[in-house]
Amino acid sequence: MNAEQLPWAKRFKWISLLEGLSFLILLGIAMPIKYVFDFPLAVTYVGWVHGLLFIIYIYAVFPTARSLKWEFGRTFFALFASILPFGPFIFDRNLRKNQQTHF
């Protein structure tokens, strides 16, 4: 990975981790609070933050893929990972393993 690609890789990693964490908080904390304690605002606020991070993630995939010269399959995997719990974490691990990036 050259010096020009490193900022894209780091930026995408942080966006990916934040999006994945927000999804887990939505599913594992906010949803139970909504149904157990009858407090729907937890899902409203956490869902809004997760939705914003999801959109940022989707928009970040394409310039990152172009900068890091990802093939179609890797770009598709990045997009697909965004809709799965733990998906962004799995994608990040796969990306680091396959590209031997240290960021």
N, C-alpha and C. Protein backbone atom coordinates (compact mmCIF):
# COMPACT_ATOMS: atom_id res chain seq x y z
N MET A 1 0.85 -1.16 0.00
CA MET A 1 0.00 0.00 0.00
C MET A 1 0.90 1.23 0.00
N ASN A 2 0.66 2.13 -0.93
CA ASN A 2 1.49 3.32 -1.01
C ASN A 2 0.92 4.45 -0.14
N ALA A 3 1.68 5.53 -0.04
CA ALA A 3 1.31 6.64 0.85
C ALA A 3 0.01 7.31 0.43
N GLU A 4 -0.31 7.28 -0.86
CA GLU A 4 -1.54 7.89 -1.35
C GLU A 4 -2.77 7.06 -0.94
N GLN A 5 -2.63 5.77 -0.85
CA GLN A 5 -3.75 4.89 -0.52
C GLN A 5 -4.02 4.81 0.97
N LEU A 6 -3.01 5.06 1.80
CA LEU A 6 -3.15 4.90 3.24
C LEU A 6 -4.25 5.75 3.86
N PRO A 7 -4.39 7.03 3.50
CA PRO A 7 -5.49 7.81 4.10
C PRO A 7 -6.86 7.24 3.79
N TRP A 8 -7.06 6.74 2.58
CA TRP A 8 -8.35 6.13 2.23
C TRP A 8 -8.59 4.88 3.05
N ALA A 9 -7.56 4.07 3.22
CA ALA A 9 -7.71 2.83 3.98
C ALA A 9 -8.04 3.13 5.44
N LYS A 10 -7.34 4.08 6.04
CA LYS A 10 -7.60 4.43 7.44
C LYS A 10 -8.99 5.02 7.61
N ARG A 11 -9.36 5.92 6.72
CA ARG A 11 -10.69 6.55 6.80
C ARG A 11 -11.78 5.50 6.68
N PHE A 12 -11.63 4.61 5.72
CA PHE A 12 -12.65 3.58 5.53
C PHE A 12 -12.71 2.65 6.74
N LYS A 13 -11.57 2.32 7.30
CA LYS A 13 -11.55 1.44 8.48
C LYS A 13 -12.36 2.06 9.60
N TRP A 14 -12.15 3.34 9.90
CA TRP A 14 -12.87 3.98 10.99
C TRP A 14 -14.37 4.09 10.71
N ILE A 15 -14.71 4.44 9.48
CA ILE A 15 -16.14 4.51 9.11
C ILE A 15 -16.77 3.14 9.26
N SER A 16 -16.07 2.12 8.79
CA SER A 16 -16.57 0.75 8.86
C SER A 16 -16.78 0.30 10.29
N LEU A 17 -15.81 0.56 11.15
CA LEU A 17 -15.93 0.14 12.54
C LEU A 17 -17.05 0.89 13.26
N LEU A 18 -17.19 2.18 13.00
CA LEU A 18 -18.28 2.94 13.63
C LEU A 18 -19.65 2.47 13.15
N GLU A 19 -19.75 2.20 11.85
CA GLU A 19 -21.03 1.72 11.32
C GLU A 19 -21.38 0.36 11.89
N GLY A 20 -20.41 -0.53 11.97
CA GLY A 20 -20.67 -1.86 12.52
C GLY A 20 -21.03 -1.79 13.99
N LEU A 21 -20.35 -0.95 14.75
CA LEU A 21 -20.65 -0.79 16.16
C LEU A 21 -22.04 -0.20 16.37
N SER A 22 -22.40 0.78 15.56
CA SER A 22 -23.74 1.38 15.70
C SER A 22 -24.83 0.36 15.40
N PHE A 23 -24.59 -0.54 14.46
CA PHE A 23 -25.57 -1.58 14.14
C PHE A 23 -25.73 -2.55 15.31
N LEU A 24 -24.60 -2.92 15.92
CA LEU A 24 -24.67 -3.83 17.07
C LEU A 24 -25.35 -3.16 18.27
N ILE A 25 -25.11 -1.89 18.48
CA ILE A 25 -25.78 -1.16 19.56
C ILE A 25 -27.28 -1.08 19.29
N LEU A 26 -27.63 -0.84 18.04
CA LEU A 26 -29.05 -0.79 17.67
C LEU A 26 -29.73 -2.13 17.95
N LEU A 27 -29.11 -3.21 17.50
CA LEU A 27 -29.72 -4.53 17.66
C LEU A 27 -29.62 -5.06 19.08
N GLY A 28 -28.50 -4.83 19.74
CA GLY A 28 -28.26 -5.47 21.03
C GLY A 28 -28.65 -4.66 22.25
N ILE A 29 -28.77 -3.35 22.09
CA ILE A 29 -29.11 -2.51 23.24
C ILE A 29 -30.42 -1.75 23.02
N ALA A 30 -30.49 -0.99 21.92
CA ALA A 30 -31.66 -0.14 21.70
C ALA A 30 -32.95 -0.95 21.48
N MET A 31 -32.87 -2.01 20.69
CA MET A 31 -34.07 -2.82 20.43
C MET A 31 -34.58 -3.48 21.72
N PRO A 32 -33.72 -4.12 22.52
CA PRO A 32 -34.23 -4.66 23.79
C PRO A 32 -34.81 -3.58 24.71
N ILE A 33 -34.18 -2.42 24.77
CA ILE A 33 -34.72 -1.33 25.59
C ILE A 33 -36.11 -0.94 25.10
N LYS A 34 -36.27 -0.90 23.78
CA LYS A 34 -37.57 -0.53 23.22
C LYS A 34 -38.65 -1.53 23.65
N TYR A 35 -38.37 -2.81 23.54
CA TYR A 35 -39.40 -3.82 23.78
C TYR A 35 -39.51 -4.24 25.24
N VAL A 36 -38.44 -4.24 25.99
CA VAL A 36 -38.49 -4.66 27.39
C VAL A 36 -39.02 -3.53 28.27
N PHE A 37 -38.52 -2.30 28.03
CA PHE A 37 -38.89 -1.17 28.87
C PHE A 37 -39.89 -0.23 28.21
N ASP A 38 -40.39 -0.62 27.05
CA ASP A 38 -41.36 0.18 26.30
C ASP A 38 -40.86 1.63 26.12
N PHE A 39 -39.63 1.73 25.62
CA PHE A 39 -38.99 3.02 25.41
C PHE A 39 -38.52 3.11 23.96
N PRO A 40 -39.45 3.47 23.04
CA PRO A 40 -39.10 3.47 21.61
C PRO A 40 -38.10 4.54 21.19
N LEU A 41 -37.89 5.56 22.02
CA LEU A 41 -36.94 6.60 21.64
C LEU A 41 -35.51 6.08 21.52
N ALA A 42 -35.20 5.01 22.24
CA ALA A 42 -33.86 4.43 22.12
C ALA A 42 -33.58 4.01 20.68
N VAL A 43 -34.55 3.38 20.07
CA VAL A 43 -34.39 2.94 18.68
C VAL A 43 -34.41 4.15 17.75
N THR A 44 -35.22 5.12 18.07
CA THR A 44 -35.29 6.32 17.23
C THR A 44 -33.93 7.00 17.12
N TYR A 45 -33.31 7.27 18.26
CA TYR A 45 -32.04 7.99 18.24
C TYR A 45 -30.88 7.13 17.76
N VAL A 46 -30.76 5.95 18.26
CA VAL A 46 -29.67 5.07 17.82
C VAL A 46 -29.87 4.70 16.35
N GLY A 47 -31.11 4.48 15.95
CA GLY A 47 -31.41 4.16 14.55
C GLY A 47 -31.04 5.30 13.62
N TRP A 48 -31.28 6.53 14.06
CA TRP A 48 -30.93 7.69 13.25
C TRP A 48 -29.42 7.78 13.06
N VAL A 49 -28.67 7.60 14.15
CA VAL A 49 -27.21 7.64 14.08
C VAL A 49 -26.70 6.51 13.19
N HIS A 50 -27.25 5.31 13.38
CA HIS A 50 -26.82 4.18 12.56
C HIS A 50 -27.14 4.43 11.08
N GLY A 51 -28.31 4.97 10.81
CA GLY A 51 -28.67 5.26 9.42
C GLY A 51 -27.71 6.24 8.77
N LEU A 52 -27.32 7.26 9.51
CA LEU A 52 -26.37 8.23 8.99
C LEU A 52 -25.01 7.58 8.73
N LEU A 53 -24.55 6.77 9.68
CA LEU A 53 -23.28 6.07 9.49
C LEU A 53 -23.34 5.06 8.35
N PHE A 54 -24.50 4.43 8.17
CA PHE A 54 -24.68 3.48 7.06
C PHE A 54 -24.53 4.20 5.72
N ILE A 55 -25.16 5.37 5.60
CA ILE A 55 -25.06 6.14 4.36
C ILE A 55 -23.62 6.58 4.10
N ILE A 56 -22.95 7.04 5.15
CA ILE A 56 -21.54 7.43 5.01
C ILE A 56 -20.70 6.24 4.58
N TYR A 57 -20.97 5.07 5.16
CA TYR A 57 -20.24 3.85 4.80
C TYR A 57 -20.42 3.54 3.31
N ILE A 58 -21.66 3.55 2.86
CA ILE A 58 -21.95 3.23 1.46
C ILE A 58 -21.23 4.20 0.53
N TYR A 59 -21.30 5.50 0.87
CA TYR A 59 -20.62 6.49 0.04
C TYR A 59 -19.10 6.37 0.11
N ALA A 60 -18.57 5.86 1.20
CA ALA A 60 -17.12 5.71 1.35
C ALA A 60 -16.57 4.49 0.61
N VAL A 61 -17.42 3.50 0.36
CA VAL A 61 -16.96 2.27 -0.30
C VAL A 61 -16.39 2.58 -1.68
N PHE A 62 -17.07 3.39 -2.47
CA PHE A 62 -16.69 3.57 -3.87
C PHE A 62 -15.37 4.32 -4.06
N PRO A 63 -15.14 5.47 -3.40
CA PRO A 63 -13.81 6.09 -3.57
C PRO A 63 -12.69 5.25 -2.96
N THR A 64 -13.01 4.52 -1.89
CA THR A 64 -11.99 3.65 -1.28
C THR A 64 -11.65 2.52 -2.24
N ALA A 65 -12.66 1.92 -2.83
CA ALA A 65 -12.43 0.83 -3.79
C ALA A 65 -11.61 1.31 -4.98
N ARG A 66 -11.90 2.51 -5.43
CA ARG A 66 -11.14 3.06 -6.56
C ARG A 66 -9.69 3.35 -6.15
N SER A 67 -9.51 3.93 -4.98
CA SER A 67 -8.16 4.27 -4.52
C SER A 67 -7.32 3.03 -4.24
N LEU A 68 -7.93 2.01 -3.63
CA LEU A 68 -7.19 0.79 -3.29
C LEU A 68 -7.21 -0.26 -4.40
N LYS A 69 -7.87 0.08 -5.51
CA LYS A 69 -7.93 -0.79 -6.69
C LYS A 69 -8.55 -2.15 -6.37
N TRP A 70 -9.70 -2.09 -5.68
CA TRP A 70 -10.43 -3.31 -5.38
C TRP A 70 -11.08 -3.84 -6.64
N GLU A 71 -11.17 -5.14 -6.74
CA GLU A 71 -11.92 -5.74 -7.83
C GLU A 71 -13.41 -5.75 -7.45
N PHE A 72 -14.26 -6.11 -8.40
CA PHE A 72 -15.71 -6.06 -8.18
C PHE A 72 -16.13 -6.91 -6.98
N GLY A 73 -15.58 -8.10 -6.85
CA GLY A 73 -15.97 -9.00 -5.76
C GLY A 73 -15.71 -8.40 -4.39
N ARG A 74 -14.58 -7.75 -4.22
CA ARG A 74 -14.25 -7.14 -2.94
C ARG A 74 -15.18 -5.95 -2.65
N THR A 75 -15.46 -5.17 -3.68
CA THR A 75 -16.38 -4.04 -3.51
C THR A 75 -17.77 -4.54 -3.14
N PHE A 76 -18.22 -5.59 -3.82
CA PHE A 76 -19.52 -6.18 -3.49
C PHE A 76 -19.53 -6.71 -2.06
N PHE A 77 -18.46 -7.36 -1.63
CA PHE A 77 -18.34 -7.89 -0.27
C PHE A 77 -18.43 -6.74 0.74
N ALA A 78 -17.79 -5.61 0.44
CA ALA A 78 -17.85 -4.44 1.33
C ALA A 78 -19.28 -3.93 1.45
N LEU A 79 -20.00 -3.88 0.34
CA LEU A 79 -21.39 -3.42 0.37
C LEU A 79 -22.28 -4.43 1.10
N PHE A 80 -22.09 -5.69 0.84
CA PHE A 80 -22.89 -6.74 1.47
C PHE A 80 -22.63 -6.79 2.98
N ALA A 81 -21.39 -6.58 3.37
CA ALA A 81 -21.02 -6.63 4.79
C ALA A 81 -21.76 -5.56 5.59
N SER A 82 -22.14 -4.48 4.95
CA SER A 82 -22.79 -3.39 5.67
C SER A 82 -24.18 -3.74 6.17
N ILE A 83 -24.79 -4.78 5.63
CA ILE A 83 -26.15 -5.14 6.06
C ILE A 83 -26.18 -6.32 7.02
N LEU A 84 -25.01 -6.84 7.37
CA LEU A 84 -24.93 -7.98 8.29
C LEU A 84 -24.38 -7.56 9.64
N PRO A 85 -24.96 -8.07 10.73
CA PRO A 85 -24.31 -7.83 12.02
C PRO A 85 -22.90 -8.44 11.99
N PHE A 86 -21.95 -7.74 12.47
CA PHE A 86 -20.54 -8.13 12.47
C PHE A 86 -19.92 -8.11 11.07
N GLY A 87 -20.69 -7.80 10.04
CA GLY A 87 -20.18 -7.79 8.67
C GLY A 87 -19.01 -6.86 8.45
N PRO A 88 -19.08 -5.60 8.91
CA PRO A 88 -17.94 -4.70 8.70
C PRO A 88 -16.67 -5.18 9.40
N PHE A 89 -16.82 -5.84 10.55
CA PHE A 89 -15.65 -6.34 11.26
C PHE A 89 -15.02 -7.50 10.50
N ILE A 90 -15.85 -8.36 9.95
CA ILE A 90 -15.35 -9.49 9.16
C ILE A 90 -14.67 -8.98 7.89
N PHE A 91 -15.28 -7.99 7.25
CA PHE A 91 -14.69 -7.43 6.04
C PHE A 91 -13.34 -6.78 6.35
N ASP A 92 -13.26 -6.05 7.45
CA ASP A 92 -12.01 -5.40 7.83
C ASP A 92 -10.92 -6.44 8.07
N ARG A 93 -11.26 -7.51 8.78
CA ARG A 93 -10.27 -8.56 9.04
C ARG A 93 -9.82 -9.21 7.73
N ASN A 94 -10.75 -9.47 6.84
CA ASN A 94 -10.43 -10.06 5.54
C ASN A 94 -9.55 -9.13 4.73
N LEU A 95 -9.86 -7.85 4.77
CA LEU A 95 -9.09 -6.87 4.02
C LEU A 95 -7.65 -6.80 4.54
N ARG A 96 -7.49 -6.76 5.85
CA ARG A 96 -6.13 -6.71 6.42
C ARG A 96 -5.35 -7.98 6.11
N LYS A 97 -6.05 -9.12 6.17
CA LYS A 97 -5.36 -10.39 5.90
C LYS A 97 -4.92 -10.49 4.45
N ASN A 98 -5.78 -10.11 3.54
CA ASN A 98 -5.48 -10.24 2.11
C ASN A 98 -4.52 -9.18 1.58
N GLN A 99 -4.56 -8.00 2.16
CA GLN A 99 -3.70 -6.94 1.64
C GLN A 99 -2.50 -6.66 2.51
N GLN A 100 -2.39 -7.37 3.63
CA GLN A 100 -1.29 -7.16 4.56
C GLN A 100 -1.12 -5.68 4.88
N THR A 101 -2.24 -5.01 5.11
CA THR A 101 -2.18 -3.61 5.49
C THR A 101 -2.03 -3.51 6.98
N HIS A 102 -1.30 -2.54 7.42
CA HIS A 102 -1.10 -2.33 8.85
C HIS A 102 -1.53 -0.91 9.19
N PHE A 103 -2.83 -0.77 9.37
CA PHE A 103 -3.34 0.56 9.71
C PHE A 103 -4.25 0.47 10.89
